[in-house]
Amino acid sequence: MTTTGPIRTIGIFGAGKSGIAIARQALAAGYNVRITTSGPAERTALVAAILTPGAIAVDGQHLADGTDLVVLAVPLRAWRELPLALLAGRIVVDVMNYWPPADGILPEFETGRPSSEIVRDGLPPDARLVKTVNHIGYHEIEELARPAGSPDRVALAVAGDDTGAVALVSQFIDDLGFDAVAVGGLAASAVLQPGSAIFGANLGRDDMLAAIETAGQRS
């Protein structure tokens, strides 16, 4: 399945803090949400009923069924344990960060390449990977969301090699309550990573673009 039209249903791998926050914002914006954890759907359903009422709990093997977009919101050390082959043809959003204190040292992410390029290489060739959301705190996904046009609206950078996927994900980001700022392909996604000019900065569109340009990180 290849998504070309508007995104209506999203699937989220991970019912941790980021996954839950994204699910709640998506539900509030009118999206259908499917969510899974590493456990059985029944256990996920208990979490969803309390933290994301309205989301459909499924097992990982069926998360991508009928979805227009799949979010990877698991600890980076666990991403290869996901049923990645089932993401063929999907728009996939990577919100993961490489945190050695939490993940341990992962040699494949110690090469200096942006982490999303490595994740992309582990997906089916026709999966359309986009990096975004990871450079704000999980609690800020809900706290900082604002309606379009709000003077204090925060921007989220969006990076991806597939321009069509970037456009669709940018609309999703706008619906979540943030201004989407395209910063280039996955090679440019280093600007979203820990230690970058915008990581944790919570900037508006113009200030974000200025910070990226000053740091020379846009491509």
N, C-alpha and C. Protein backbone atom coordinates (compact mmCIF):
# COMPACT_ATOMS: atom_id res chain seq x y z
N MET A 1 0.84 -1.20 0.00
CA MET A 1 0.00 0.00 0.00
C MET A 1 0.88 1.24 0.00
N THR A 2 0.64 2.15 -0.94
CA THR A 2 1.37 3.40 -1.01
C THR A 2 0.41 4.56 -0.80
N THR A 3 0.68 5.36 0.23
CA THR A 3 -0.19 6.49 0.55
C THR A 3 0.14 7.67 -0.34
N THR A 4 -0.86 8.19 -1.03
CA THR A 4 -0.68 9.39 -1.84
C THR A 4 -1.67 10.48 -1.45
N GLY A 5 -2.80 10.08 -0.85
CA GLY A 5 -3.82 11.05 -0.46
C GLY A 5 -3.67 11.46 0.99
N PRO A 6 -4.63 12.18 1.52
CA PRO A 6 -4.56 12.65 2.90
C PRO A 6 -4.43 11.49 3.89
N ILE A 7 -3.70 11.73 4.96
CA ILE A 7 -3.52 10.74 6.01
C ILE A 7 -4.74 10.78 6.92
N ARG A 8 -5.34 9.62 7.12
CA ARG A 8 -6.52 9.51 8.00
C ARG A 8 -6.28 8.60 9.20
N THR A 9 -5.49 7.54 8.99
CA THR A 9 -5.25 6.56 10.04
C THR A 9 -3.76 6.40 10.25
N ILE A 10 -3.34 6.49 11.50
CA ILE A 10 -1.94 6.31 11.82
C ILE A 10 -1.77 5.12 12.75
N GLY A 11 -0.63 4.48 12.63
CA GLY A 11 -0.26 3.41 13.54
C GLY A 11 0.98 3.81 14.30
N ILE A 12 1.05 3.48 15.57
CA ILE A 12 2.18 3.87 16.41
C ILE A 12 2.80 2.65 17.05
N PHE A 13 4.06 2.40 16.73
CA PHE A 13 4.84 1.39 17.44
C PHE A 13 5.40 2.05 18.68
N GLY A 14 4.88 1.65 19.85
CA GLY A 14 5.38 2.20 21.09
C GLY A 14 4.32 2.95 21.85
N ALA A 15 4.02 2.47 23.05
CA ALA A 15 3.06 3.15 23.92
C ALA A 15 3.78 3.73 25.12
N GLY A 16 5.01 4.19 24.88
CA GLY A 16 5.73 4.93 25.91
C GLY A 16 5.30 6.38 25.89
N LYS A 17 6.08 7.24 26.48
CA LYS A 17 5.65 8.63 26.68
C LYS A 17 5.47 9.38 25.36
N SER A 18 6.40 9.21 24.43
CA SER A 18 6.25 9.90 23.15
C SER A 18 5.10 9.33 22.34
N GLY A 19 5.01 8.01 22.28
CA GLY A 19 3.93 7.38 21.53
C GLY A 19 2.56 7.77 22.04
N ILE A 20 2.43 7.80 23.36
CA ILE A 20 1.15 8.18 23.98
C ILE A 20 0.81 9.63 23.65
N ALA A 21 1.79 10.53 23.76
CA ALA A 21 1.53 11.95 23.49
C ALA A 21 1.13 12.17 22.04
N ILE A 22 1.81 11.51 21.11
CA ILE A 22 1.46 11.64 19.70
C ILE A 22 0.07 11.08 19.45
N ALA A 23 -0.23 9.95 20.06
CA ALA A 23 -1.56 9.34 19.89
C ALA A 23 -2.66 10.28 20.37
N ARG A 24 -2.45 10.90 21.52
CA ARG A 24 -3.49 11.78 22.07
C ARG A 24 -3.70 13.01 21.19
N GLN A 25 -2.60 13.59 20.71
CA GLN A 25 -2.73 14.75 19.82
C GLN A 25 -3.39 14.36 18.51
N ALA A 26 -3.05 13.21 17.98
CA ALA A 26 -3.66 12.77 16.72
C ALA A 26 -5.15 12.51 16.89
N LEU A 27 -5.52 11.89 17.99
CA LEU A 27 -6.94 11.66 18.25
C LEU A 27 -7.69 12.98 18.37
N ALA A 28 -7.09 13.94 19.07
CA ALA A 28 -7.73 15.24 19.23
C ALA A 28 -7.89 15.95 17.89
N ALA A 29 -7.00 15.64 16.94
CA ALA A 29 -7.06 16.26 15.61
C ALA A 29 -7.98 15.50 14.67
N GLY A 30 -8.59 14.43 15.14
CA GLY A 30 -9.56 13.71 14.33
C GLY A 30 -9.03 12.51 13.57
N TYR A 31 -7.79 12.10 13.85
CA TYR A 31 -7.23 10.93 13.18
C TYR A 31 -7.69 9.65 13.85
N ASN A 32 -7.75 8.59 13.07
CA ASN A 32 -7.90 7.25 13.62
C ASN A 32 -6.52 6.79 14.04
N VAL A 33 -6.42 6.18 15.22
CA VAL A 33 -5.12 5.80 15.76
C VAL A 33 -5.12 4.33 16.16
N ARG A 34 -4.09 3.62 15.68
CA ARG A 34 -3.82 2.25 16.09
C ARG A 34 -2.49 2.25 16.82
N ILE A 35 -2.39 1.50 17.90
CA ILE A 35 -1.18 1.55 18.73
C ILE A 35 -0.82 0.16 19.22
N THR A 36 0.46 -0.08 19.37
CA THR A 36 0.92 -1.38 19.85
C THR A 36 2.12 -1.22 20.76
N THR A 37 2.31 -2.22 21.62
CA THR A 37 3.50 -2.32 22.47
C THR A 37 4.19 -3.63 22.15
N SER A 38 5.22 -3.94 22.89
CA SER A 38 5.92 -5.21 22.67
C SER A 38 5.13 -6.40 23.19
N GLY A 39 4.09 -6.13 23.96
CA GLY A 39 3.28 -7.20 24.52
C GLY A 39 2.06 -7.50 23.67
N PRO A 40 1.19 -8.37 24.16
CA PRO A 40 -0.03 -8.71 23.42
C PRO A 40 -1.00 -7.54 23.35
N ALA A 41 -1.89 -7.60 22.36
CA ALA A 41 -2.86 -6.51 22.17
C ALA A 41 -3.72 -6.29 23.40
N GLU A 42 -3.99 -7.37 24.14
CA GLU A 42 -4.83 -7.23 25.34
C GLU A 42 -4.18 -6.32 26.37
N ARG A 43 -2.85 -6.45 26.53
CA ARG A 43 -2.16 -5.60 27.49
C ARG A 43 -2.10 -4.16 26.98
N THR A 44 -1.87 -4.01 25.68
CA THR A 44 -1.88 -2.66 25.10
C THR A 44 -3.24 -2.02 25.28
N ALA A 45 -4.30 -2.80 25.16
CA ALA A 45 -5.66 -2.27 25.29
C ALA A 45 -5.88 -1.68 26.67
N LEU A 46 -5.30 -2.28 27.70
CA LEU A 46 -5.45 -1.74 29.05
C LEU A 46 -4.78 -0.37 29.16
N VAL A 47 -3.60 -0.25 28.56
CA VAL A 47 -2.89 1.04 28.56
C VAL A 47 -3.68 2.08 27.76
N ALA A 48 -4.13 1.67 26.58
CA ALA A 48 -4.84 2.60 25.70
C ALA A 48 -6.14 3.09 26.32
N ALA A 49 -6.85 2.21 27.00
CA ALA A 49 -8.13 2.60 27.60
C ALA A 49 -7.95 3.72 28.62
N ILE A 50 -6.80 3.72 29.29
CA ILE A 50 -6.55 4.73 30.32
C ILE A 50 -5.88 5.97 29.74
N LEU A 51 -4.87 5.77 28.90
CA LEU A 51 -4.03 6.88 28.45
C LEU A 51 -4.38 7.43 27.08
N THR A 52 -4.94 6.60 26.22
CA THR A 52 -5.30 7.07 24.86
C THR A 52 -6.69 6.57 24.50
N PRO A 53 -7.71 6.94 25.26
CA PRO A 53 -9.06 6.45 24.94
C PRO A 53 -9.46 6.85 23.53
N GLY A 54 -9.91 5.87 22.78
CA GLY A 54 -10.26 6.09 21.38
C GLY A 54 -9.28 5.44 20.43
N ALA A 55 -8.07 5.17 20.90
CA ALA A 55 -7.09 4.47 20.07
C ALA A 55 -7.40 2.98 20.07
N ILE A 56 -7.09 2.33 18.97
CA ILE A 56 -7.33 0.89 18.84
C ILE A 56 -6.02 0.16 19.13
N ALA A 57 -6.05 -0.74 20.10
CA ALA A 57 -4.87 -1.52 20.45
C ALA A 57 -4.81 -2.76 19.57
N VAL A 58 -3.65 -2.99 18.97
CA VAL A 58 -3.46 -4.15 18.09
C VAL A 58 -2.11 -4.77 18.41
N ASP A 59 -1.86 -5.97 17.86
CA ASP A 59 -0.52 -6.54 17.99
C ASP A 59 0.36 -6.00 16.87
N GLY A 60 1.65 -6.10 17.07
CA GLY A 60 2.59 -5.49 16.14
C GLY A 60 2.49 -6.00 14.72
N GLN A 61 2.13 -7.26 14.56
CA GLN A 61 2.05 -7.85 13.22
C GLN A 61 0.91 -7.27 12.40
N HIS A 62 -0.04 -6.60 13.06
CA HIS A 62 -1.19 -6.05 12.34
C HIS A 62 -1.28 -4.54 12.44
N LEU A 63 -0.27 -3.91 13.02
CA LEU A 63 -0.35 -2.46 13.22
C LEU A 63 -0.48 -1.72 11.90
N ALA A 64 0.27 -2.13 10.89
CA ALA A 64 0.29 -1.38 9.64
C ALA A 64 -0.95 -1.59 8.78
N ASP A 65 -1.77 -2.58 9.13
CA ASP A 65 -2.95 -2.87 8.32
C ASP A 65 -3.88 -1.66 8.26
N GLY A 66 -4.14 -1.18 7.07
CA GLY A 66 -5.10 -0.09 6.90
C GLY A 66 -4.62 1.26 7.35
N THR A 67 -3.33 1.41 7.63
CA THR A 67 -2.82 2.71 8.07
C THR A 67 -2.23 3.48 6.91
N ASP A 68 -2.23 4.79 7.02
CA ASP A 68 -1.63 5.67 6.01
C ASP A 68 -0.23 6.10 6.42
N LEU A 69 0.07 5.99 7.70
CA LEU A 69 1.34 6.47 8.25
C LEU A 69 1.65 5.64 9.49
N VAL A 70 2.91 5.25 9.64
CA VAL A 70 3.33 4.47 10.81
C VAL A 70 4.43 5.23 11.54
N VAL A 71 4.27 5.40 12.84
CA VAL A 71 5.23 6.11 13.67
C VAL A 71 6.10 5.11 14.43
N LEU A 72 7.41 5.30 14.37
CA LEU A 72 8.34 4.50 15.15
C LEU A 72 8.69 5.29 16.41
N ALA A 73 8.12 4.88 17.54
CA ALA A 73 8.32 5.60 18.80
C ALA A 73 8.76 4.63 19.89
N VAL A 74 9.75 3.80 19.55
CA VAL A 74 10.30 2.85 20.51
C VAL A 74 11.72 3.29 20.84
N PRO A 75 12.31 2.78 21.93
CA PRO A 75 13.73 3.05 22.16
C PRO A 75 14.54 2.58 20.95
N LEU A 76 15.53 3.35 20.55
CA LEU A 76 16.26 3.03 19.33
C LEU A 76 16.92 1.66 19.41
N ARG A 77 17.27 1.23 20.59
CA ARG A 77 17.91 -0.08 20.72
C ARG A 77 16.97 -1.22 20.32
N ALA A 78 15.65 -0.93 20.26
CA ALA A 78 14.68 -1.98 19.98
C ALA A 78 14.10 -1.92 18.58
N TRP A 79 14.56 -0.97 17.73
CA TRP A 79 13.85 -0.76 16.47
C TRP A 79 13.97 -1.95 15.53
N ARG A 80 15.08 -2.68 15.57
CA ARG A 80 15.21 -3.83 14.68
C ARG A 80 14.35 -5.02 15.10
N GLU A 81 13.77 -4.95 16.28
CA GLU A 81 12.87 -6.01 16.73
C GLU A 81 11.45 -5.83 16.17
N LEU A 82 11.19 -4.70 15.54
CA LEU A 82 9.87 -4.45 14.97
C LEU A 82 9.70 -5.24 13.68
N PRO A 83 8.45 -5.53 13.28
CA PRO A 83 8.20 -6.25 12.02
C PRO A 83 8.38 -5.31 10.82
N LEU A 84 9.62 -4.97 10.55
CA LEU A 84 9.95 -3.94 9.57
C LEU A 84 9.51 -4.30 8.16
N ALA A 85 9.50 -5.58 7.83
CA ALA A 85 9.12 -6.00 6.48
C ALA A 85 7.70 -5.59 6.15
N LEU A 86 6.86 -5.43 7.18
CA LEU A 86 5.46 -5.07 6.96
C LEU A 86 5.27 -3.59 6.63
N LEU A 87 6.35 -2.84 6.65
CA LEU A 87 6.27 -1.40 6.37
C LEU A 87 6.53 -1.07 4.91
N ALA A 88 6.59 -2.07 4.08
CA ALA A 88 6.80 -1.84 2.64
C ALA A 88 5.72 -0.92 2.10
N GLY A 89 6.15 0.11 1.37
CA GLY A 89 5.22 1.04 0.75
C GLY A 89 4.60 2.05 1.69
N ARG A 90 4.92 1.99 2.97
CA ARG A 90 4.30 2.89 3.95
C ARG A 90 5.09 4.18 4.12
N ILE A 91 4.40 5.23 4.52
CA ILE A 91 5.06 6.41 5.06
C ILE A 91 5.41 6.07 6.51
N VAL A 92 6.67 6.20 6.86
CA VAL A 92 7.14 5.86 8.20
C VAL A 92 7.77 7.11 8.82
N VAL A 93 7.35 7.44 10.03
CA VAL A 93 7.87 8.60 10.73
C VAL A 93 8.76 8.13 11.87
N ASP A 94 10.00 8.56 11.84
CA ASP A 94 10.99 8.20 12.85
C ASP A 94 11.05 9.32 13.89
N VAL A 95 10.61 9.04 15.12
CA VAL A 95 10.71 10.03 16.20
C VAL A 95 11.74 9.60 17.24
N MET A 96 12.60 8.64 16.87
CA MET A 96 13.55 8.07 17.81
C MET A 96 14.84 8.89 17.88
N ASN A 97 15.50 8.82 19.02
CA ASN A 97 16.81 9.44 19.21
C ASN A 97 17.80 8.42 19.73
N TYR A 98 19.05 8.60 19.39
CA TYR A 98 20.11 7.75 19.91
C TYR A 98 20.63 8.36 21.21
N TRP A 99 20.35 7.68 22.32
CA TRP A 99 20.77 8.13 23.64
C TRP A 99 21.63 7.04 24.27
N PRO A 100 22.95 7.08 24.13
CA PRO A 100 23.80 6.05 24.72
C PRO A 100 23.54 5.80 26.21
N PRO A 101 23.26 6.84 27.05
CA PRO A 101 22.99 6.53 28.46
C PRO A 101 21.78 5.62 28.65
N ALA A 102 20.82 5.70 27.72
CA ALA A 102 19.63 4.85 27.82
C ALA A 102 19.74 3.60 26.96
N ASP A 103 20.30 3.76 25.76
CA ASP A 103 20.35 2.66 24.80
C ASP A 103 21.60 1.80 24.95
N GLY A 104 22.61 2.32 25.65
CA GLY A 104 23.92 1.69 25.58
C GLY A 104 24.60 2.11 24.29
N ILE A 105 25.82 1.69 24.10
CA ILE A 105 26.54 2.01 22.87
C ILE A 105 26.07 1.08 21.77
N LEU A 106 25.51 1.66 20.71
CA LEU A 106 25.05 0.90 19.55
C LEU A 106 26.02 1.18 18.41
N PRO A 107 26.89 0.25 18.09
CA PRO A 107 27.95 0.53 17.11
C PRO A 107 27.44 1.06 15.78
N GLU A 108 26.27 0.59 15.31
CA GLU A 108 25.80 1.05 14.01
C GLU A 108 25.46 2.54 14.02
N PHE A 109 25.21 3.10 15.21
CA PHE A 109 24.89 4.52 15.31
C PHE A 109 26.08 5.36 15.77
N GLU A 110 27.25 4.76 15.79
CA GLU A 110 28.47 5.46 16.19
C GLU A 110 29.32 5.83 14.98
N THR A 111 28.74 5.79 13.80
CA THR A 111 29.51 6.02 12.56
C THR A 111 29.52 7.47 12.13
N GLY A 112 28.72 8.32 12.77
CA GLY A 112 28.64 9.71 12.36
C GLY A 112 27.52 9.99 11.37
N ARG A 113 26.89 8.96 10.84
CA ARG A 113 25.75 9.16 9.94
C ARG A 113 24.52 9.55 10.76
N PRO A 114 23.61 10.35 10.19
CA PRO A 114 22.36 10.62 10.88
C PRO A 114 21.64 9.30 11.17
N SER A 115 21.07 9.20 12.35
CA SER A 115 20.45 7.93 12.75
C SER A 115 19.33 7.51 11.80
N SER A 116 18.61 8.48 11.23
CA SER A 116 17.49 8.13 10.35
C SER A 116 17.96 7.51 9.04
N GLU A 117 19.17 7.84 8.59
CA GLU A 117 19.69 7.17 7.40
C GLU A 117 19.92 5.69 7.67
N ILE A 118 20.35 5.37 8.86
CA ILE A 118 20.57 3.98 9.23
C ILE A 118 19.24 3.25 9.36
N VAL A 119 18.26 3.91 9.97
CA VAL A 119 16.93 3.31 10.08
C VAL A 119 16.35 3.09 8.68
N ARG A 120 16.49 4.07 7.80
CA ARG A 120 15.98 3.95 6.44
C ARG A 120 16.57 2.72 5.75
N ASP A 121 17.86 2.49 5.95
CA ASP A 121 18.52 1.36 5.30
C ASP A 121 18.01 0.02 5.81
N GLY A 122 17.41 0.01 7.00
CA GLY A 122 16.87 -1.23 7.55
C GLY A 122 15.43 -1.49 7.19
N LEU A 123 14.80 -0.55 6.48
CA LEU A 123 13.40 -0.69 6.07
C LEU A 123 13.32 -1.27 4.67
N PRO A 124 12.15 -1.76 4.27
CA PRO A 124 11.99 -2.18 2.87
C PRO A 124 12.32 -1.02 1.94
N PRO A 125 12.85 -1.30 0.75
CA PRO A 125 13.31 -0.23 -0.15
C PRO A 125 12.24 0.79 -0.51
N ASP A 126 10.96 0.37 -0.53
CA ASP A 126 9.92 1.32 -0.92
C ASP A 126 9.24 2.00 0.26
N ALA A 127 9.73 1.77 1.48
CA ALA A 127 9.21 2.52 2.64
C ALA A 127 9.68 3.97 2.52
N ARG A 128 8.85 4.91 2.91
CA ARG A 128 9.12 6.33 2.72
C ARG A 128 9.34 6.98 4.09
N LEU A 129 10.60 7.07 4.49
CA LEU A 129 10.92 7.49 5.86
C LEU A 129 11.04 9.00 5.98
N VAL A 130 10.45 9.53 7.05
CA VAL A 130 10.51 10.95 7.38
C VAL A 130 10.90 11.08 8.85
N LYS A 131 11.79 12.02 9.13
CA LYS A 131 12.22 12.28 10.51
C LYS A 131 11.56 13.55 11.01
N THR A 132 10.95 13.49 12.20
CA THR A 132 10.35 14.68 12.81
C THR A 132 9.93 14.37 14.24
N VAL A 133 9.49 15.37 14.96
CA VAL A 133 8.93 15.31 16.33
C VAL A 133 9.98 15.02 17.40
N ASN A 134 11.10 14.38 17.05
CA ASN A 134 12.05 13.92 18.05
C ASN A 134 12.80 15.03 18.78
N HIS A 135 12.78 16.26 18.24
CA HIS A 135 13.62 17.30 18.85
C HIS A 135 12.90 18.15 19.89
N ILE A 136 11.68 17.74 20.29
CA ILE A 136 11.03 18.36 21.45
C ILE A 136 10.75 17.27 22.47
N GLY A 137 10.56 17.66 23.71
CA GLY A 137 10.29 16.69 24.77
C GLY A 137 8.92 16.07 24.61
N TYR A 138 8.78 14.85 25.08
CA TYR A 138 7.50 14.15 24.94
C TYR A 138 6.36 14.92 25.58
N HIS A 139 6.61 15.56 26.73
CA HIS A 139 5.55 16.30 27.42
C HIS A 139 5.17 17.56 26.65
N GLU A 140 6.10 18.07 25.83
CA GLU A 140 5.83 19.29 25.08
C GLU A 140 4.98 19.05 23.84
N ILE A 141 4.85 17.81 23.42
CA ILE A 141 4.01 17.50 22.27
C ILE A 141 2.58 17.96 22.53
N GLU A 142 2.14 17.83 23.74
CA GLU A 142 0.80 18.30 24.10
C GLU A 142 0.82 19.73 24.64
N GLU A 143 1.82 20.06 25.44
CA GLU A 143 1.85 21.37 26.08
C GLU A 143 2.04 22.51 25.09
N LEU A 144 2.83 22.29 24.04
CA LEU A 144 3.18 23.38 23.12
C LEU A 144 2.30 23.47 21.89
N ALA A 145 1.43 22.51 21.68
CA ALA A 145 0.57 22.52 20.50
C ALA A 145 -0.33 23.75 20.52
N ARG A 146 -0.47 24.40 19.35
CA ARG A 146 -1.29 25.60 19.22
C ARG A 146 -2.03 25.56 17.88
N PRO A 147 -3.16 26.24 17.78
CA PRO A 147 -3.86 26.33 16.49
C PRO A 147 -3.02 27.06 15.46
N ALA A 148 -3.26 26.76 14.21
CA ALA A 148 -2.55 27.43 13.12
C ALA A 148 -2.73 28.95 13.23
N GLY A 149 -1.66 29.69 13.01
CA GLY A 149 -1.72 31.13 13.08
C GLY A 149 -1.42 31.72 14.44
N SER A 150 -1.30 30.89 15.46
CA SER A 150 -1.00 31.40 16.80
C SER A 150 0.40 32.02 16.81
N PRO A 151 0.56 33.20 17.41
CA PRO A 151 1.86 33.87 17.38
C PRO A 151 2.95 33.10 18.12
N ASP A 152 2.57 32.25 19.06
CA ASP A 152 3.57 31.50 19.84
C ASP A 152 3.65 30.04 19.39
N ARG A 153 3.23 29.77 18.15
CA ARG A 153 3.27 28.40 17.66
C ARG A 153 4.72 27.95 17.44
N VAL A 154 5.03 26.76 17.91
CA VAL A 154 6.36 26.18 17.79
C VAL A 154 6.48 25.44 16.46
N ALA A 155 7.68 25.45 15.90
CA ALA A 155 7.93 24.74 14.64
C ALA A 155 8.58 23.39 14.91
N LEU A 156 8.28 22.43 14.05
CA LEU A 156 8.95 21.13 14.07
C LEU A 156 9.63 20.93 12.72
N ALA A 157 10.90 20.58 12.76
CA ALA A 157 11.63 20.29 11.53
C ALA A 157 11.19 18.95 10.97
N VAL A 158 11.19 18.86 9.65
CA VAL A 158 10.79 17.63 8.95
C VAL A 158 11.86 17.35 7.90
N ALA A 159 12.41 16.13 7.91
CA ALA A 159 13.45 15.76 6.95
C ALA A 159 13.07 14.45 6.27
N GLY A 160 13.27 14.39 4.97
CA GLY A 160 12.98 13.16 4.24
C GLY A 160 13.38 13.26 2.79
N ASP A 161 13.70 12.13 2.19
CA ASP A 161 14.13 12.11 0.80
C ASP A 161 12.96 12.09 -0.18
N ASP A 162 11.80 11.65 0.28
CA ASP A 162 10.61 11.56 -0.56
C ASP A 162 9.77 12.82 -0.33
N THR A 163 9.75 13.71 -1.32
CA THR A 163 9.07 15.00 -1.14
C THR A 163 7.57 14.84 -0.93
N GLY A 164 6.97 13.83 -1.56
CA GLY A 164 5.55 13.59 -1.36
C GLY A 164 5.26 13.18 0.07
N ALA A 165 6.09 12.31 0.63
CA ALA A 165 5.92 11.88 2.01
C ALA A 165 6.14 13.04 2.97
N VAL A 166 7.15 13.88 2.67
CA VAL A 166 7.41 15.05 3.52
C VAL A 166 6.20 15.98 3.53
N ALA A 167 5.57 16.17 2.39
CA ALA A 167 4.40 17.05 2.32
C ALA A 167 3.23 16.49 3.14
N LEU A 168 3.00 15.18 3.06
CA LEU A 168 1.90 14.58 3.81
C LEU A 168 2.19 14.61 5.31
N VAL A 169 3.43 14.32 5.68
CA VAL A 169 3.78 14.36 7.10
C VAL A 169 3.72 15.80 7.63
N SER A 170 4.09 16.75 6.80
CA SER A 170 4.01 18.16 7.22
C SER A 170 2.58 18.56 7.54
N GLN A 171 1.63 18.08 6.76
CA GLN A 171 0.22 18.36 7.05
C GLN A 171 -0.19 17.71 8.37
N PHE A 172 0.29 16.50 8.61
CA PHE A 172 0.03 15.81 9.88
C PHE A 172 0.59 16.63 11.04
N ILE A 173 1.81 17.13 10.90
CA ILE A 173 2.42 17.94 11.94
C ILE A 173 1.61 19.20 12.20
N ASP A 174 1.13 19.84 11.13
CA ASP A 174 0.29 21.02 11.27
C ASP A 174 -0.97 20.69 12.05
N ASP A 175 -1.56 19.54 11.75
CA ASP A 175 -2.78 19.13 12.45
C ASP A 175 -2.52 18.84 13.93
N LEU A 176 -1.30 18.40 14.24
CA LEU A 176 -0.95 18.15 15.64
C LEU A 176 -0.79 19.44 16.43
N GLY A 177 -0.60 20.56 15.71
CA GLY A 177 -0.50 21.85 16.39
C GLY A 177 0.84 22.55 16.27
N PHE A 178 1.61 22.20 15.22
CA PHE A 178 2.94 22.78 15.05
C PHE A 178 3.15 23.21 13.60
N ASP A 179 4.03 24.19 13.40
CA ASP A 179 4.43 24.58 12.05
C ASP A 179 5.51 23.62 11.57
N ALA A 180 5.29 23.01 10.42
CA ALA A 180 6.28 22.09 9.85
C ALA A 180 7.28 22.87 9.01
N VAL A 181 8.56 22.60 9.22
CA VAL A 181 9.63 23.25 8.47
C VAL A 181 10.48 22.18 7.79
N ALA A 182 10.39 22.09 6.48
CA ALA A 182 11.18 21.13 5.73
C ALA A 182 12.64 21.59 5.72
N VAL A 183 13.54 20.69 6.12
CA VAL A 183 14.96 21.07 6.24
C VAL A 183 15.85 20.32 5.25
N GLY A 184 15.25 19.49 4.39
CA GLY A 184 16.04 18.75 3.42
C GLY A 184 15.81 17.26 3.54
N GLY A 185 16.70 16.49 2.92
CA GLY A 185 16.59 15.05 2.94
C GLY A 185 17.07 14.45 4.25
N LEU A 186 17.12 13.12 4.30
CA LEU A 186 17.55 12.47 5.53
C LEU A 186 18.99 12.79 5.88
N ALA A 187 19.80 13.14 4.89
CA ALA A 187 21.17 13.56 5.18
C ALA A 187 21.19 14.81 6.05
N ALA A 188 20.12 15.62 5.96
CA ALA A 188 20.02 16.84 6.76
C ALA A 188 19.38 16.60 8.12
N SER A 189 18.96 15.37 8.39
CA SER A 189 18.23 15.10 9.63
C SER A 189 19.12 15.18 10.87
N ALA A 190 20.43 15.33 10.68
CA ALA A 190 21.31 15.55 11.83
C ALA A 190 20.91 16.80 12.60
N VAL A 191 20.27 17.74 11.92
CA VAL A 191 19.85 18.98 12.58
C VAL A 191 18.78 18.72 13.64
N LEU A 192 18.13 17.57 13.58
CA LEU A 192 17.10 17.24 14.55
C LEU A 192 17.64 16.45 15.74
N GLN A 193 18.89 16.03 15.66
CA GLN A 193 19.44 15.11 16.65
C GLN A 193 19.95 15.83 17.89
N PRO A 194 20.12 15.09 18.99
CA PRO A 194 20.68 15.68 20.21
C PRO A 194 21.99 16.40 19.94
N GLY A 195 22.12 17.60 20.52
CA GLY A 195 23.31 18.40 20.35
C GLY A 195 23.25 19.37 19.19
N SER A 196 22.17 19.33 18.41
CA SER A 196 22.06 20.23 17.27
C SER A 196 21.58 21.61 17.73
N ALA A 197 21.55 22.54 16.76
CA ALA A 197 21.17 23.93 17.07
C ALA A 197 19.71 24.05 17.49
N ILE A 198 18.86 23.13 17.09
CA ILE A 198 17.43 23.27 17.38
C ILE A 198 16.93 22.25 18.40
N PHE A 199 17.75 21.29 18.77
CA PHE A 199 17.28 20.23 19.66
C PHE A 199 16.92 20.81 21.02
N GLY A 200 15.65 20.65 21.40
CA GLY A 200 15.17 21.15 22.69
C GLY A 200 14.98 22.64 22.77
N ALA A 201 15.12 23.34 21.64
CA ALA A 201 15.08 24.81 21.68
C ALA A 201 13.67 25.37 21.61
N ASN A 202 12.72 24.62 21.03
CA ASN A 202 11.32 25.05 20.94
C ASN A 202 11.19 26.44 20.31
N LEU A 203 11.54 26.51 19.03
CA LEU A 203 11.58 27.76 18.30
C LEU A 203 10.40 27.90 17.34
N GLY A 204 10.03 29.15 17.03
CA GLY A 204 9.10 29.41 15.96
C GLY A 204 9.77 29.20 14.62
N ARG A 205 8.97 29.25 13.54
CA ARG A 205 9.49 28.96 12.21
C ARG A 205 10.72 29.81 11.85
N ASP A 206 10.59 31.13 11.95
CA ASP A 206 11.68 32.01 11.53
C ASP A 206 12.93 31.82 12.38
N ASP A 207 12.75 31.69 13.69
CA ASP A 207 13.90 31.50 14.57
C ASP A 207 14.56 30.15 14.32
N MET A 208 13.76 29.14 14.01
CA MET A 208 14.33 27.83 13.69
C MET A 208 15.19 27.91 12.44
N LEU A 209 14.66 28.51 11.38
CA LEU A 209 15.41 28.62 10.14
C LEU A 209 16.69 29.42 10.35
N ALA A 210 16.62 30.47 11.16
CA ALA A 210 17.81 31.28 11.43
C ALA A 210 18.84 30.47 12.20
N ALA A 211 18.40 29.67 13.18
CA ALA A 211 19.33 28.87 13.95
C ALA A 211 20.01 27.82 13.09
N ILE A 212 19.26 27.22 12.18
CA ILE A 212 19.83 26.21 11.30
C ILE A 212 20.83 26.84 10.34
N GLU A 213 20.46 27.99 9.78
CA GLU A 213 21.37 28.66 8.85
C GLU A 213 22.65 29.11 9.55
N THR A 214 22.51 29.63 10.74
CA THR A 214 23.69 30.09 11.49
C THR A 214 24.64 28.94 11.79
N ALA A 215 24.05 27.78 12.10
CA ALA A 215 24.87 26.60 12.42
C ALA A 215 25.37 25.91 11.16
N GLY A 216 24.86 26.34 10.00
CA GLY A 216 25.28 25.71 8.76
C GLY A 216 24.83 24.28 8.63
N GLN A 217 23.65 23.94 9.17
CA GLN A 217 23.20 22.56 9.24
C GLN A 217 22.12 22.23 8.24
N ARG A 218 21.71 23.17 7.43
CA ARG A 218 20.66 22.86 6.47
C ARG A 218 21.25 22.42 5.15
N SER A 219 20.60 21.46 4.51
CA SER A 219 21.07 21.02 3.20
C SER A 219 19.91 20.68 2.31
